[in-house]
């Protein structure tokens, strides 16, 4: 069942409408929510919503409870391939929980927030931006780690990154929901403006696996399909930034174990033909973030390594 959860009138006879798809079966009152499309340039979640909805509808007899799928929290951003809400110059994931008496964007965000409260679990799916490529991972506030890590382990991800509380923005959807005891896991994978089918299919398997383990899905997923993720605390992650401005050239892919002193790539000057910087891994570990967009400036993030 398709349901509208928020709408607002726009100029020139247009309307902003946020919709969700409710799929229900069985006698359980358990409720799982899948949300994505907060940022209009993050499209991995669109594919996940499609594949998950298709699979559940084809196997509805296995469902015991309600799954609610919100594929586009920021439909205007998706339509225009814009990260934020077009014409408002704001990031939707920086104004939660919103305000029922505020601006149009705040009213819409508040309606989304209220609609999600009380779910047994919310999975908030993001891509990376256009600059970085990420392996499938969960990002969790350390204050919620004890509650959320056991669920995140079920999602068929490669990595769980536990952030210190001071680095978590209080105005995000995940923080706002976790603050009112609605458990919410942020999943991030891929690169902006692209869809990685392999990553998406893996996450669909992981969501079905989670549903099975919490009593919402009758059929089990084979344990051979589900990856056991590495769990990392914030101080175990090393950031590598550019020392020079130029073009970042690399043949390295993320999701590999890299040795200390190994070359990750080079920054070059295409005019002079010079190598301006050899980018070297300062520690051994899992390379889970790599620069996707080659133009860099001094200080640009090039890679992240989980120090093993």
C-alpha atoms as a PDB file:
ATOM      1  CA  UNK A   1       0.000   0.000   0.000  1.00  0.00           C
ATOM      2  CA  UNK A   2       1.388   3.390  -1.049  1.00  0.00           C
ATOM      3  CA  UNK A   3       0.835   6.099   1.543  1.00  0.00           C
ATOM      4  CA  UNK A   4       1.644   9.830   1.537  1.00  0.00           C
ATOM      5  CA  UNK A   5       3.285  10.928   4.782  1.00  0.00           C
ATOM      6  CA  UNK A   6       4.019  14.569   3.955  1.00  0.00           C
ATOM      7  CA  UNK A   7       3.162  17.065   1.228  1.00  0.00           C
ATOM      8  CA  UNK A   8       3.647  20.757   0.606  1.00  0.00           C
ATOM      9  CA  UNK A   9       2.498  23.152  -2.095  1.00  0.00           C
ATOM     10  CA  UNK A  10       5.234  24.516  -4.365  1.00  0.00           C
ATOM     11  CA  UNK A  11       5.208  27.421  -6.835  1.00  0.00           C
ATOM     12  CA  UNK A  12       3.619  27.067 -10.287  1.00  0.00           C
ATOM     13  CA  UNK A  13       0.997  24.483  -9.300  1.00  0.00           C
ATOM     14  CA  UNK A  14       3.510  21.844  -8.188  1.00  0.00           C
ATOM     15  CA  UNK A  15       3.555  19.787  -4.985  1.00  0.00           C
ATOM     16  CA  UNK A  16       6.265  18.150  -2.880  1.00  0.00           C
ATOM     17  CA  UNK A  17       5.096  14.684  -1.837  1.00  0.00           C
ATOM     18  CA  UNK A  18       6.900  12.146   0.379  1.00  0.00           C
ATOM     19  CA  UNK A  19       5.569   8.604   0.046  1.00  0.00           C
ATOM     20  CA  UNK A  20       6.186   5.195   1.560  1.00  0.00           C
ATOM     21  CA  UNK A  21       5.241   1.654   0.604  1.00  0.00           C
ATOM     22  CA  UNK A  22       3.777  -0.519   3.390  1.00  0.00           C
ATOM     23  CA  UNK A  23       4.084  -4.294   3.016  1.00  0.00           C
ATOM     24  CA  UNK A  24       2.345  -6.315   5.748  1.00  0.00           C
ATOM     25  CA  UNK A  25       1.604  -9.961   6.452  1.00  0.00           C
ATOM     26  CA  UNK A  26       1.172 -12.250   9.446  1.00  0.00           C
ATOM     27  CA  UNK A  27       0.191 -11.491  13.009  1.00  0.00           C
ATOM     28  CA  UNK A  28       3.360  -9.796  14.290  1.00  0.00           C
ATOM     29  CA  UNK A  29       3.317  -6.104  15.169  1.00  0.00           C
ATOM     30  CA  UNK A  30       7.044  -5.755  14.437  1.00  0.00           C
ATOM     31  CA  UNK A  31       7.890  -2.840  12.165  1.00  0.00           C
ATOM     32  CA  UNK A  32      11.035  -2.299  10.093  1.00  0.00           C
ATOM     33  CA  UNK A  33      11.581   0.961   8.165  1.00  0.00           C
ATOM     34  CA  UNK A  34      13.973   1.409   5.231  1.00  0.00           C
ATOM     35  CA  UNK A  35      14.682   5.070   4.419  1.00  0.00           C
ATOM     36  CA  UNK A  36      16.873   6.591   1.745  1.00  0.00           C
ATOM     37  CA  UNK A  37      17.091   9.507  -0.659  1.00  0.00           C
ATOM     38  CA  UNK A  38      17.819  12.140   1.986  1.00  0.00           C
ATOM     39  CA  UNK A  39      20.570  13.398  -0.299  1.00  0.00           C
ATOM     40  CA  UNK A  40      19.559  13.687  -3.942  1.00  0.00           C
ATOM     41  CA  UNK A  41      22.962  12.641  -5.315  1.00  0.00           C
ATOM     42  CA  UNK A  42      22.981   9.357  -3.345  1.00  0.00           C
ATOM     43  CA  UNK A  43      21.274   6.688  -5.432  1.00  0.00           C
ATOM     44  CA  UNK A  44      22.379   3.319  -4.007  1.00  0.00           C
ATOM     45  CA  UNK A  45      19.274   3.230  -1.803  1.00  0.00           C
ATOM     46  CA  UNK A  46      16.979   3.553  -4.827  1.00  0.00           C
ATOM     47  CA  UNK A  47      18.178   0.201  -6.122  1.00  0.00           C
ATOM     48  CA  UNK A  48      17.963  -1.416  -2.681  1.00  0.00           C
ATOM     49  CA  UNK A  49      14.354  -0.248  -2.269  1.00  0.00           C
ATOM     50  CA  UNK A  50      13.426  -1.642  -5.681  1.00  0.00           C
ATOM     51  CA  UNK A  51      15.063  -5.047  -5.140  1.00  0.00           C
ATOM     52  CA  UNK A  52      13.802  -5.391  -1.573  1.00  0.00           C
ATOM     53  CA  UNK A  53      10.220  -4.476  -2.480  1.00  0.00           C
ATOM     54  CA  UNK A  54      10.287  -6.852  -5.437  1.00  0.00           C
ATOM     55  CA  UNK A  55      11.644  -9.731  -3.335  1.00  0.00           C
ATOM     56  CA  UNK A  56       9.190  -9.256  -0.472  1.00  0.00           C
ATOM     57  CA  UNK A  57       6.185  -9.006  -2.813  1.00  0.00           C
ATOM     58  CA  UNK A  58       7.261 -12.237  -4.537  1.00  0.00           C
ATOM     59  CA  UNK A  59       7.686 -14.022  -1.184  1.00  0.00           C
ATOM     60  CA  UNK A  60       5.042 -12.268   0.921  1.00  0.00           C
ATOM     61  CA  UNK A  61       4.081 -15.439   2.795  1.00  0.00           C
ATOM     62  CA  UNK A  62       7.476 -15.310   4.549  1.00  0.00           C
ATOM     63  CA  UNK A  63       6.778 -11.850   6.002  1.00  0.00           C
ATOM     64  CA  UNK A  64       5.549 -11.660   9.590  1.00  0.00           C
ATOM     65  CA  UNK A  65       5.067  -8.001  10.422  1.00  0.00           C
ATOM     66  CA  UNK A  66       5.268  -4.721   8.509  1.00  0.00           C
ATOM     67  CA  UNK A  67       8.103  -3.317   6.444  1.00  0.00           C
ATOM     68  CA  UNK A  68       7.837   0.331   5.398  1.00  0.00           C
ATOM     69  CA  UNK A  69       9.993   1.521   2.512  1.00  0.00           C
ATOM     70  CA  UNK A  70      10.680   5.252   2.011  1.00  0.00           C
ATOM     71  CA  UNK A  71      12.689   5.487  -1.243  1.00  0.00           C
ATOM     72  CA  UNK A  72      12.883   9.286  -1.565  1.00  0.00           C
ATOM     73  CA  UNK A  73      12.896  11.557   1.472  1.00  0.00           C
ATOM     74  CA  UNK A  74      14.207  14.323  -0.797  1.00  0.00           C
ATOM     75  CA  UNK A  75      12.456  13.726  -4.159  1.00  0.00           C
ATOM     76  CA  UNK A  76      13.262  17.227  -5.423  1.00  0.00           C
ATOM     77  CA  UNK A  77      16.957  16.561  -4.853  1.00  0.00           C
ATOM     78  CA  UNK A  78      16.768  13.221  -6.654  1.00  0.00           C
ATOM     79  CA  UNK A  79      14.904  14.742  -9.597  1.00  0.00           C
ATOM     80  CA  UNK A  80      17.573  17.432  -9.996  1.00  0.00           C
ATOM     81  CA  UNK A  81      20.592  15.329  -8.880  1.00  0.00           C
ATOM     82  CA  UNK A  82      21.155  17.850  -6.099  1.00  0.00           C
ATOM     83  CA  UNK A  83      22.534  16.816  -2.702  1.00  0.00           C
ATOM     84  CA  UNK A  84      20.371  19.218  -0.711  1.00  0.00           C
ATOM     85  CA  UNK A  85      16.834  20.471  -1.166  1.00  0.00           C
ATOM     86  CA  UNK A  86      16.830  22.577  -4.362  1.00  0.00           C
ATOM     87  CA  UNK A  87      16.155  26.318  -4.019  1.00  0.00           C
ATOM     88  CA  UNK A  88      16.413  26.150  -0.223  1.00  0.00           C
ATOM     89  CA  UNK A  89      20.214  25.786  -0.003  1.00  0.00           C
ATOM     90  CA  UNK A  90      20.008  23.291   2.859  1.00  0.00           C
ATOM     91  CA  UNK A  91      20.977  19.729   3.664  1.00  0.00           C
ATOM     92  CA  UNK A  92      17.840  17.835   4.720  1.00  0.00           C
ATOM     93  CA  UNK A  93      19.918  15.647   7.034  1.00  0.00           C
ATOM     94  CA  UNK A  94      20.923  18.684   9.076  1.00  0.00           C
ATOM     95  CA  UNK A  95      17.464  19.869  10.178  1.00  0.00           C
ATOM     96  CA  UNK A  96      15.954  16.875  11.976  1.00  0.00           C
ATOM     97  CA  UNK A  97      13.716  16.531  13.926  1.00  0.00           C
ATOM     98  CA  UNK A  98      12.250  19.556  12.155  1.00  0.00           C
ATOM     99  CA  UNK A  99       9.501  21.815  13.432  1.00  0.00           C
ATOM    100  CA  UNK A 100       5.738  21.453  12.833  1.00  0.00           C
ATOM    101  CA  UNK A 101       5.471  25.256  12.983  1.00  0.00           C
ATOM    102  CA  UNK A 102       8.626  26.049  11.030  1.00  0.00           C
ATOM    103  CA  UNK A 103       9.506  26.542   7.376  1.00  0.00           C
ATOM    104  CA  UNK A 104       8.176  24.217   4.689  1.00  0.00           C
ATOM    105  CA  UNK A 105      11.289  22.023   4.851  1.00  0.00           C
ATOM    106  CA  UNK A 106      11.130  21.838   8.660  1.00  0.00           C
ATOM    107  CA  UNK A 107       7.440  20.854   8.568  1.00  0.00           C
ATOM    108  CA  UNK A 108       8.110  18.072   6.037  1.00  0.00           C
ATOM    109  CA  UNK A 109      11.115  16.778   7.984  1.00  0.00           C
ATOM    110  CA  UNK A 110       9.094  16.758  11.195  1.00  0.00           C
ATOM    111  CA  UNK A 111       6.349  14.708   9.523  1.00  0.00           C
ATOM    112  CA  UNK A 112       8.949  12.145   8.370  1.00  0.00           C
ATOM    113  CA  UNK A 113      10.486  12.015  11.846  1.00  0.00           C
ATOM    114  CA  UNK A 114       7.129  11.484  13.577  1.00  0.00           C
ATOM    115  CA  UNK A 115       6.143   8.804  11.087  1.00  0.00           C
ATOM    116  CA  UNK A 116       9.294   6.790  11.844  1.00  0.00           C
ATOM    117  CA  UNK A 117       9.151   7.019  15.644  1.00  0.00           C
ATOM    118  CA  UNK A 118       8.329   3.732  17.320  1.00  0.00           C
ATOM    119  CA  UNK A 119       9.731   1.408  14.636  1.00  0.00           C
ATOM    120  CA  UNK A 120      11.571  -1.673  15.898  1.00  0.00           C
ATOM    121  CA  UNK A 121      14.446  -0.766  13.568  1.00  0.00           C
ATOM    122  CA  UNK A 122      15.216   1.911  10.970  1.00  0.00           C
ATOM    123  CA  UNK A 123      17.877   1.398   8.286  1.00  0.00           C
ATOM    124  CA  UNK A 124      18.998   4.772   6.877  1.00  0.00           C
ATOM    125  CA  UNK A 125      20.761   4.080   3.556  1.00  0.00           C
ATOM    126  CA  UNK A 126      23.288   6.521   2.089  1.00  0.00           C
ATOM    127  CA  UNK A 127      25.854   6.535  -0.689  1.00  0.00           C
ATOM    128  CA  UNK A 128      29.104   8.372  -0.373  1.00  0.00           C
ATOM    129  CA  UNK A 129      29.427  11.716  -2.142  1.00  0.00           C
ATOM    130  CA  UNK A 130      30.885  12.020  -5.658  1.00  0.00           C
ATOM    131  CA  UNK A 131      34.409  12.420  -4.257  1.00  0.00           C
ATOM    132  CA  UNK A 132      34.868   9.201  -2.264  1.00  0.00           C
ATOM    133  CA  UNK A 133      34.192   5.496  -2.784  1.00  0.00           C
ATOM    134  CA  UNK A 134      33.135   3.524   0.296  1.00  0.00           C
ATOM    135  CA  UNK A 135      32.814  -0.191   1.015  1.00  0.00           C
ATOM    136  CA  UNK A 136      29.453  -1.293   2.510  1.00  0.00           C
ATOM    137  CA  UNK A 137      29.552  -0.119   6.105  1.00  0.00           C
ATOM    138  CA  UNK A 138      27.473   0.906   9.099  1.00  0.00           C
ATOM    139  CA  UNK A 139      28.221   4.111  10.983  1.00  0.00           C
ATOM    140  CA  UNK A 140      27.174   4.131  14.608  1.00  0.00           C
ATOM    141  CA  UNK A 141      27.364   6.620  17.468  1.00  0.00           C
ATOM    142  CA  UNK A 142      29.362   5.121  20.341  1.00  0.00           C
ATOM    143  CA  UNK A 143      26.499   6.023  22.706  1.00  0.00           C
ATOM    144  CA  UNK A 144      24.282   3.542  20.809  1.00  0.00           C
ATOM    145  CA  UNK A 145      26.957   0.957  20.007  1.00  0.00           C
ATOM    146  CA  UNK A 146      25.875  -1.722  22.492  1.00  0.00           C
ATOM    147  CA  UNK A 147      22.338  -1.667  21.093  1.00  0.00           C
ATOM    148  CA  UNK A 148      23.079  -1.304  17.386  1.00  0.00           C
ATOM    149  CA  UNK A 149      26.251  -3.323  16.677  1.00  0.00           C
ATOM    150  CA  UNK A 150      24.526  -6.736  17.079  1.00  0.00           C
ATOM    151  CA  UNK A 151      21.955  -5.703  14.449  1.00  0.00           C
ATOM    152  CA  UNK A 152      24.565  -4.132  12.149  1.00  0.00           C
ATOM    153  CA  UNK A 153      26.502  -7.413  12.157  1.00  0.00           C
ATOM    154  CA  UNK A 154      23.493  -9.057  10.467  1.00  0.00           C
ATOM    155  CA  UNK A 155      23.364  -6.653   7.495  1.00  0.00           C
ATOM    156  CA  UNK A 156      26.010  -8.320   5.293  1.00  0.00           C
ATOM    157  CA  UNK A 157      28.397  -5.363   5.521  1.00  0.00           C
ATOM    158  CA  UNK A 158      32.195  -5.303   5.403  1.00  0.00           C
ATOM    159  CA  UNK A 159      32.770  -2.709   8.096  1.00  0.00           C
ATOM    160  CA  UNK A 160      31.187  -1.115  11.165  1.00  0.00           C
ATOM    161  CA  UNK A 161      32.623   2.282  12.082  1.00  0.00           C
ATOM    162  CA  UNK A 162      31.798   3.402  15.605  1.00  0.00           C
ATOM    163  CA  UNK A 163      32.124   7.182  15.896  1.00  0.00           C
ATOM    164  CA  UNK A 164      32.846   9.095  19.057  1.00  0.00           C
ATOM    165  CA  UNK A 165      29.731  10.960  20.213  1.00  0.00           C
ATOM    166  CA  UNK A 166      31.281  14.401  19.652  1.00  0.00           C
ATOM    167  CA  UNK A 167      31.633  13.724  15.907  1.00  0.00           C
ATOM    168  CA  UNK A 168      27.949  12.867  15.413  1.00  0.00           C
ATOM    169  CA  UNK A 169      25.720  15.691  14.201  1.00  0.00           C
ATOM    170  CA  UNK A 170      22.700  16.026  16.453  1.00  0.00           C
ATOM    171  CA  UNK A 171      20.493  17.270  13.595  1.00  0.00           C
ATOM    172  CA  UNK A 172      20.686  14.061  11.549  1.00  0.00           C
ATOM    173  CA  UNK A 173      17.780  11.665  11.144  1.00  0.00           C
ATOM    174  CA  UNK A 174      19.669   8.804  12.795  1.00  0.00           C
ATOM    175  CA  UNK A 175      20.697  10.799  15.867  1.00  0.00           C
ATOM    176  CA  UNK A 176      17.212  12.260  16.295  1.00  0.00           C
ATOM    177  CA  UNK A 177      15.559   8.820  16.162  1.00  0.00           C
ATOM    178  CA  UNK A 178      18.121   7.109  18.382  1.00  0.00           C
ATOM    179  CA  UNK A 179      17.607   9.904  20.915  1.00  0.00           C
ATOM    180  CA  UNK A 180      13.956   8.876  21.275  1.00  0.00           C
ATOM    181  CA  UNK A 181      14.782   5.143  21.497  1.00  0.00           C
ATOM    182  CA  UNK A 182      13.928   4.279  17.893  1.00  0.00           C
ATOM    183  CA  UNK A 183      17.012   2.232  16.921  1.00  0.00           C
ATOM    184  CA  UNK A 184      18.488   3.532  13.669  1.00  0.00           C
ATOM    185  CA  UNK A 185      21.533   2.282  11.748  1.00  0.00           C
ATOM    186  CA  UNK A 186      23.195   4.389   9.052  1.00  0.00           C
ATOM    187  CA  UNK A 187      24.478   2.337   6.110  1.00  0.00           C
ATOM    188  CA  UNK A 188      26.867   3.942   3.632  1.00  0.00           C
ATOM    189  CA  UNK A 189      28.293   2.402   0.464  1.00  0.00           C
ATOM    190  CA  UNK A 190      29.462   3.125  -3.062  1.00  0.00           C
ATOM    191  CA  UNK A 191      29.961   6.537  -4.612  1.00  0.00           C
ATOM    192  CA  UNK A 192      27.652   9.468  -5.346  1.00  0.00           C
ATOM    193  CA  UNK A 193      25.483   9.537  -8.499  1.00  0.00           C
ATOM    194  CA  UNK A 194      26.128   5.847  -9.215  1.00  0.00           C
ATOM    195  CA  UNK A 195      24.587   2.470  -8.334  1.00  0.00           C
ATOM    196  CA  UNK A 196      26.709  -0.566  -7.462  1.00  0.00           C
ATOM    197  CA  UNK A 197      24.420  -3.560  -8.043  1.00  0.00           C
ATOM    198  CA  UNK A 198      26.703  -5.929  -6.127  1.00  0.00           C
ATOM    199  CA  UNK A 199      26.634  -3.752  -3.010  1.00  0.00           C
ATOM    200  CA  UNK A 200      22.874  -3.275  -3.288  1.00  0.00           C
ATOM    201  CA  UNK A 201      22.152  -6.988  -3.652  1.00  0.00           C
ATOM    202  CA  UNK A 202      24.341  -7.732  -0.647  1.00  0.00           C
ATOM    203  CA  UNK A 203      22.453  -5.248   1.510  1.00  0.00           C
ATOM    204  CA  UNK A 204      19.102  -6.729   0.426  1.00  0.00           C
ATOM    205  CA  UNK A 205      20.365 -10.132   1.628  1.00  0.00           C
ATOM    206  CA  UNK A 206      21.479  -8.490   4.856  1.00  0.00           C
ATOM    207  CA  UNK A 207      18.113  -6.831   5.485  1.00  0.00           C
ATOM    208  CA  UNK A 208      16.315 -10.148   4.921  1.00  0.00           C
ATOM    209  CA  UNK A 209      18.807 -11.788   7.291  1.00  0.00           C
ATOM    210  CA  UNK A 210      18.087  -9.159   9.960  1.00  0.00           C
ATOM    211  CA  UNK A 211      14.341  -9.625   9.466  1.00  0.00           C
ATOM    212  CA  UNK A 212      14.733 -13.363   9.970  1.00  0.00           C
ATOM    213  CA  UNK A 213      16.735 -12.925  13.163  1.00  0.00           C
ATOM    214  CA  UNK A 214      14.162 -10.538  14.701  1.00  0.00           C
ATOM    215  CA  UNK A 215      11.236 -12.786  13.801  1.00  0.00           C
ATOM    216  CA  UNK A 216       9.908 -10.875  10.779  1.00  0.00           C
ATOM    217  CA  UNK A 217      10.906 -13.333   8.025  1.00  0.00           C
ATOM    218  CA  UNK A 218      10.395 -17.096   8.051  1.00  0.00           C
ATOM    219  CA  UNK A 219      13.034 -18.191   5.546  1.00  0.00           C
ATOM    220  CA  UNK A 220      16.678 -18.159   6.677  1.00  0.00           C
ATOM    221  CA  UNK A 221      19.514 -16.690   4.632  1.00  0.00           C
ATOM    222  CA  UNK A 222      22.470 -19.074   4.284  1.00  0.00           C
ATOM    223  CA  UNK A 223      25.275 -18.097   6.662  1.00  0.00           C
ATOM    224  CA  UNK A 224      27.723 -18.517   3.756  1.00  0.00           C
ATOM    225  CA  UNK A 225      26.118 -15.484   2.087  1.00  0.00           C
ATOM    226  CA  UNK A 226      26.459 -13.135   5.084  1.00  0.00           C
ATOM    227  CA  UNK A 227      29.792 -11.358   5.609  1.00  0.00           C
ATOM    228  CA  UNK A 228      31.161 -10.882   9.138  1.00  0.00           C
ATOM    229  CA  UNK A 229      32.181  -7.200   9.350  1.00  0.00           C
ATOM    230  CA  UNK A 230      35.252  -5.661  10.935  1.00  0.00           C
ATOM    231  CA  UNK A 231      34.297  -3.367  13.829  1.00  0.00           C
ATOM    232  CA  UNK A 232      36.339  -0.182  14.251  1.00  0.00           C
ATOM    233  CA  UNK A 233      36.372   2.413  17.010  1.00  0.00           C
ATOM    234  CA  UNK A 234      37.000   6.012  15.924  1.00  0.00           C
ATOM    235  CA  UNK A 235      40.629   6.189  17.079  1.00  0.00           C
ATOM    236  CA  UNK A 236      41.463   3.104  14.988  1.00  0.00           C
ATOM    237  CA  UNK A 237      40.804   4.978  11.730  1.00  0.00           C
ATOM    238  CA  UNK A 238      43.635   6.872  10.023  1.00  0.00           C
ATOM    239  CA  UNK A 239      42.853   9.666   7.544  1.00  0.00           C
ATOM    240  CA  UNK A 240      45.147  10.371   4.582  1.00  0.00           C
ATOM    241  CA  UNK A 241      44.938  13.872   3.140  1.00  0.00           C
ATOM    242  CA  UNK A 242      46.608  15.539   0.166  1.00  0.00           C
ATOM    243  CA  UNK A 243      49.749  17.566   0.804  1.00  0.00           C
ATOM    244  CA  UNK A 244      49.627  19.068  -2.697  1.00  0.00           C
ATOM    245  CA  UNK A 245      47.002  20.213  -5.192  1.00  0.00           C
ATOM    246  CA  UNK A 246      46.779  18.326  -8.479  1.00  0.00           C
ATOM    247  CA  UNK A 247      45.355  15.160 -10.038  1.00  0.00           C
ATOM    248  CA  UNK A 248      45.155  12.036  -7.851  1.00  0.00           C
ATOM    249  CA  UNK A 249      46.077   8.919  -9.834  1.00  0.00           C
ATOM    250  CA  UNK A 250      45.596   5.471  -8.317  1.00  0.00           C
ATOM    251  CA  UNK A 251      45.125   1.863  -9.397  1.00  0.00           C
ATOM    252  CA  UNK A 252      44.227   0.776  -5.849  1.00  0.00           C
ATOM    253  CA  UNK A 253      40.702  -0.387  -5.031  1.00  0.00           C
ATOM    254  CA  UNK A 254      39.160  -0.137  -1.591  1.00  0.00           C
ATOM    255  CA  UNK A 255      38.344  -3.148   0.595  1.00  0.00           C
ATOM    256  CA  UNK A 256      41.903  -4.450   0.593  1.00  0.00           C
ATOM    257  CA  UNK A 257      44.445  -4.991   3.348  1.00  0.00           C
ATOM    258  CA  UNK A 258      47.326  -2.601   2.739  1.00  0.00           C
ATOM    259  CA  UNK A 259      50.825  -2.669   4.262  1.00  0.00           C
ATOM    260  CA  UNK A 260      52.541   0.199   6.017  1.00  0.00           C
ATOM    261  CA  UNK A 261      54.662   2.077   3.478  1.00  0.00           C
ATOM    262  CA  UNK A 262      52.686   0.755   0.491  1.00  0.00           C
ATOM    263  CA  UNK A 263      51.951   3.271  -2.256  1.00  0.00           C
ATOM    264  CA  UNK A 264      48.263   4.101  -2.606  1.00  0.00           C
ATOM    265  CA  UNK A 265      48.632   6.554  -5.482  1.00  0.00           C
ATOM    266  CA  UNK A 266      50.310   9.719  -6.671  1.00  0.00           C
ATOM    267  CA  UNK A 267      49.327  13.372  -7.059  1.00  0.00           C
ATOM    268  CA  UNK A 268      50.580  14.760 -10.360  1.00  0.00           C
ATOM    269  CA  UNK A 269      50.867  18.053 -12.214  1.00  0.00           C
ATOM    270  CA  UNK A 270      49.536  17.351 -15.742  1.00  0.00           C
ATOM    271  CA  UNK A 271      51.106  20.554 -17.106  1.00  0.00           C
ATOM    272  CA  UNK A 272      54.696  19.903 -16.048  1.00  0.00           C
ATOM    273  CA  UNK A 273      54.569  16.110 -15.869  1.00  0.00           C
ATOM    274  CA  UNK A 274      55.789  16.192 -12.270  1.00  0.00           C
ATOM    275  CA  UNK A 275      54.843  13.802  -9.483  1.00  0.00           C
ATOM    276  CA  UNK A 276      54.010  16.192  -6.663  1.00  0.00           C
ATOM    277  CA  UNK A 277      53.328  13.614  -3.956  1.00  0.00           C
ATOM    278  CA  UNK A 278      53.570   9.878  -3.517  1.00  0.00           C
ATOM    279  CA  UNK A 279      50.657   8.881  -1.285  1.00  0.00           C
ATOM    280  CA  UNK A 280      51.942   6.266   1.147  1.00  0.00           C
ATOM    281  CA  UNK A 281      49.984   4.224   3.696  1.00  0.00           C
ATOM    282  CA  UNK A 282      51.207   5.356   7.145  1.00  0.00           C
ATOM    283  CA  UNK A 283      49.869   2.217   8.865  1.00  0.00           C
ATOM    284  CA  UNK A 284      48.857  -1.317   7.891  1.00  0.00           C
ATOM    285  CA  UNK A 285      45.139  -2.002   7.734  1.00  0.00           C
ATOM    286  CA  UNK A 286      41.874  -2.172   5.824  1.00  0.00           C
ATOM    287  CA  UNK A 287      41.596   0.479   3.111  1.00  0.00           C
ATOM    288  CA  UNK A 288      37.870   1.196   3.292  1.00  0.00           C
ATOM    289  CA  UNK A 289      37.691   4.655   1.681  1.00  0.00           C
ATOM    290  CA  UNK A 290      39.450   5.759  -1.504  1.00  0.00           C
ATOM    291  CA  UNK A 291      39.252   8.978  -3.484  1.00  0.00           C
ATOM    292  CA  UNK A 292      36.998   8.599  -6.553  1.00  0.00           C
ATOM    293  CA  UNK A 293      37.115  12.160  -7.913  1.00  0.00           C
ATOM    294  CA  UNK A 294      40.675  12.827  -9.148  1.00  0.00           C
ATOM    295  CA  UNK A 295      40.965  16.608  -8.764  1.00  0.00           C
ATOM    296  CA  UNK A 296      42.386  17.345  -5.305  1.00  0.00           C
ATOM    297  CA  UNK A 297      43.539  20.327  -3.326  1.00  0.00           C
ATOM    298  CA  UNK A 298      45.817  20.565  -0.334  1.00  0.00           C
ATOM    299  CA  UNK A 299      43.934  18.946   2.531  1.00  0.00           C
ATOM    300  CA  UNK A 300      41.526  16.914   0.369  1.00  0.00           C
ATOM    301  CA  UNK A 301      40.671  13.497   1.810  1.00  0.00           C
ATOM    302  CA  UNK A 302      42.330  10.741  -0.241  1.00  0.00           C
ATOM    303  CA  UNK A 303      41.779   7.584   1.803  1.00  0.00           C
ATOM    304  CA  UNK A 304      40.830   6.124   5.171  1.00  0.00           C
ATOM    305  CA  UNK A 305      42.445   3.059   6.714  1.00  0.00           C
ATOM    306  CA  UNK A 306      41.256   0.993   9.657  1.00  0.00           C
ATOM    307  CA  UNK A 307      44.519   0.381  11.521  1.00  0.00           C
ATOM    308  CA  UNK A 308      44.998  -3.342  12.136  1.00  0.00           C
END
